[in-house]
């Protein structure tokens, strides 16, 4: 598979991932009616899309990961469609690597956003990108890693309750996943990559709801890591882990809904093969309903 060429595996029988997308013909997202618009109108969405995706570059992909094409759409469009479905239009995007492509993609869809730049994207991580938009974290907000392909009902489940709620895939994890420890009441007590998988409930998929009532403590933890400790190259979950004793965060089980964070070529192959077919409602040949 050559990602930024115009060839993929012959068995897929499609153009390479750089083929132009007709966004006007994007498949319609599948969304359960019971998960629509349970949130306050002031809800924001914060999308971190500053990273370079070095591990995918080894496979030939050189654009931001959020622009990876999947079944006639992109990872980013899947996210924007989910936000539109659930009535969230106040969007903050942190950009860095090849940001002009991300901005152009938003412009192509006619979607306005508040843009925050992380010029140090190559030497920092999500804890620094999120800190850069700290002044905008003044209300309830949804957080997204921009490289996650997911079913839109995940957003609905997060919005169906109040407080701090993290989407958790209750699966067996390895060293690469951001893992969580959860007590019997469903409260998250630890979060991070370095946790022992044997003690963990599953993976935090990189999508969560954060409540304005506790954002002050969260922002202060971000500040401490960035300004006092110089921990600019950590994942933002380190700032969460530090405040879990005082700030309640609960799991929202999304194990039954398809989702995947795309870091490696293998993730992208799985996203196209196994995950994406559950995310969009595509017309089938001869007018028959597409198989699920």
Foldseek 3Di string as FASTA:
>chain_A
DQQPDFDDPVVVVHTHQPPDFPVVPDFQWDEDPVLAALADLPEEEEEEQAAQLVQAVVRNDGDGLQQGDAPRGGLQVLVVSLCVRRNHQAYEYEYERVVVVVVVVCVVVPHDYHYFYDPVNVPFEALQSVLSCLVVLQFKYKYAHSQKRWASSQVSLQSNDDAKEFEFAQDQDDLPFWFFAADPVQWTQATGSPDDSVRTRGGRQGIIIHGNVCSVQLSVLSCCCVPPVVRRHDHSCVSVNVCSVPGTYGYDYPNVIAMFGDNHPVRVVCCRPPHVVNTGFDQDPPRDGDDD
